[in-house]
Protein backbone atom coordinates (compact mmCIF):
# COMPACT_ATOMS: atom_id res chain seq x y z
CA UNK A 1 64.80 32.04 38.53
CA UNK A 2 62.52 29.22 38.22
CA UNK A 3 63.69 25.34 37.80
CA UNK A 4 60.89 23.37 35.94
CA UNK A 5 61.30 19.62 36.26
CA UNK A 6 59.26 16.98 33.91
CA UNK A 7 58.68 13.26 34.93
CA UNK A 8 57.12 12.25 31.78
CA UNK A 9 56.78 12.24 27.83
CA UNK A 10 53.57 13.95 27.84
CA UNK A 11 54.84 16.93 30.26
CA UNK A 12 58.07 17.02 28.34
CA UNK A 13 56.87 17.53 25.07
CA UNK A 14 54.54 20.57 27.04
CA UNK A 15 57.70 21.70 28.69
CA UNK A 16 59.36 21.93 25.13
CA UNK A 17 56.33 23.51 23.78
CA UNK A 18 56.72 25.98 25.89
CA UNK A 19 60.24 26.61 25.70
CA UNK A 20 60.02 26.88 21.91
CA UNK A 21 57.06 29.32 22.07
CA UNK A 22 58.24 31.49 24.67
CA UNK A 23 61.83 31.95 24.19
CA UNK A 24 61.90 35.25 25.66
CA UNK A 25 61.15 33.47 29.27
CA UNK A 26 63.54 30.84 29.21
CA UNK A 27 66.52 31.04 30.43
CA UNK A 28 68.05 27.31 29.29
CA UNK A 29 66.55 24.38 28.50
CA UNK A 30 68.02 21.02 30.13
CA UNK A 31 65.75 18.67 27.91
CA UNK A 32 63.87 17.42 30.82
CA UNK A 33 63.98 20.45 32.77
CA UNK A 34 63.94 24.49 32.12
CA UNK A 35 64.74 27.38 33.92
CA UNK A 36 62.77 30.10 33.39
CA UNK A 37 62.77 33.66 34.27
CA UNK A 38 61.73 34.75 37.35
CA UNK A 39 58.90 36.63 36.27
CA UNK A 40 54.82 36.81 36.45
CA UNK A 41 55.22 35.76 33.10
CA UNK A 42 57.79 32.60 33.82
CA UNK A 43 55.46 31.89 36.96
CA UNK A 44 52.35 31.36 34.70
CA UNK A 45 53.83 29.32 32.48
CA UNK A 46 55.44 26.69 34.89
CA UNK A 47 51.84 26.79 36.63
CA UNK A 48 50.26 25.81 33.33
CA UNK A 49 52.56 22.84 33.03
CA UNK A 50 51.62 21.80 36.78
CA UNK A 51 47.98 22.29 36.34
CA UNK A 52 48.00 20.16 33.03
CA UNK A 53 50.34 17.51 33.97
CA UNK A 54 49.64 17.50 38.00
CA UNK A 55 52.71 15.67 39.86
CA UNK A 56 54.29 15.30 36.37
CA UNK A 57 55.63 18.43 36.65
CA UNK A 58 57.79 19.98 39.61
CA UNK A 59 58.90 23.71 39.83
CA UNK A 60 61.68 24.98 42.29
CA UNK A 61 62.77 28.81 42.99
CA UNK A 62 66.66 28.66 42.25
CA UNK A 63 69.40 30.94 43.61
CA UNK A 64 71.95 31.53 41.42
CA UNK A 65 75.47 30.18 43.27
CA UNK A 66 78.35 33.09 43.38
CA UNK A 67 81.72 31.05 43.82
CA UNK A 68 82.84 34.57 45.76
CA UNK A 69 80.30 34.64 48.23
CA UNK A 70 79.30 31.33 48.93
CA UNK A 71 82.39 29.21 49.31
CA UNK A 72 84.58 29.36 51.35
CA UNK A 73 88.65 30.45 50.44
CA UNK A 74 90.04 27.18 51.59
CA UNK A 75 87.99 25.13 49.15
CA UNK A 76 88.40 26.99 45.92
CA UNK A 77 92.00 27.02 46.65
CA UNK A 78 91.62 23.53 46.98
CA UNK A 79 89.73 22.90 43.44
CA UNK A 80 92.34 25.30 41.73
CA UNK A 81 95.09 23.41 43.07
CA UNK A 82 93.49 19.63 42.14
CA UNK A 83 92.24 20.71 39.00
CA UNK A 84 96.61 21.74 38.20
CA UNK A 85 97.92 18.96 39.70
CA UNK A 86 101.10 17.45 38.24
CA UNK A 87 99.77 14.36 37.46
CA UNK A 88 95.93 13.89 36.46
CA UNK A 89 95.28 10.45 36.82
CA UNK A 90 96.07 11.33 41.16
CA UNK A 91 92.78 10.67 43.24
CA UNK A 92 91.98 13.92 45.65
CA UNK A 93 92.00 11.42 48.61
CA UNK A 94 96.02 11.19 47.55
CA UNK A 95 96.82 14.58 46.60
CA UNK A 96 95.21 15.95 49.59
CA UNK A 97 97.89 14.18 51.43
CA UNK A 98 100.54 16.71 53.14
CA UNK A 99 98.40 19.95 52.03
CA UNK A 100 96.56 22.51 53.61
CA UNK A 101 93.53 21.44 51.41
CA UNK A 102 91.00 20.16 53.18
CA UNK A 103 89.66 16.20 52.53
CA UNK A 104 87.20 14.72 50.98
CA UNK A 105 85.45 13.76 54.29
CA UNK A 106 85.58 17.10 55.82
CA UNK A 107 84.12 18.70 51.70
CA UNK A 108 81.19 16.12 52.35
CA UNK A 109 80.24 16.95 55.94
CA UNK A 110 80.49 20.83 55.45
CA UNK A 111 77.26 23.22 54.63
CA UNK A 112 77.63 25.79 52.48
């Protein structure tokens, strides 16, 4: 998919108009940003916005996130266990003590 992010009111207005006019190519809209299908039409629409608004539009190619392919089992297990903890007020740093789950600092240092 193509992620289009706008940084000015004029660019946001143009993005809104593109989204309304070409709904079949828009995957999802997020106010200042939108996901477009990765087709030539999606690229055309994104580049049109970039041409019209120059530095006020950023285009990025995205890749869908597959939690089963991209994330180690231990991280998924930690997220599941933390979400199902007995006391919802327990911070992750306290929750993880004496468990096999990675610490917050370990999670922050590891690349996916």
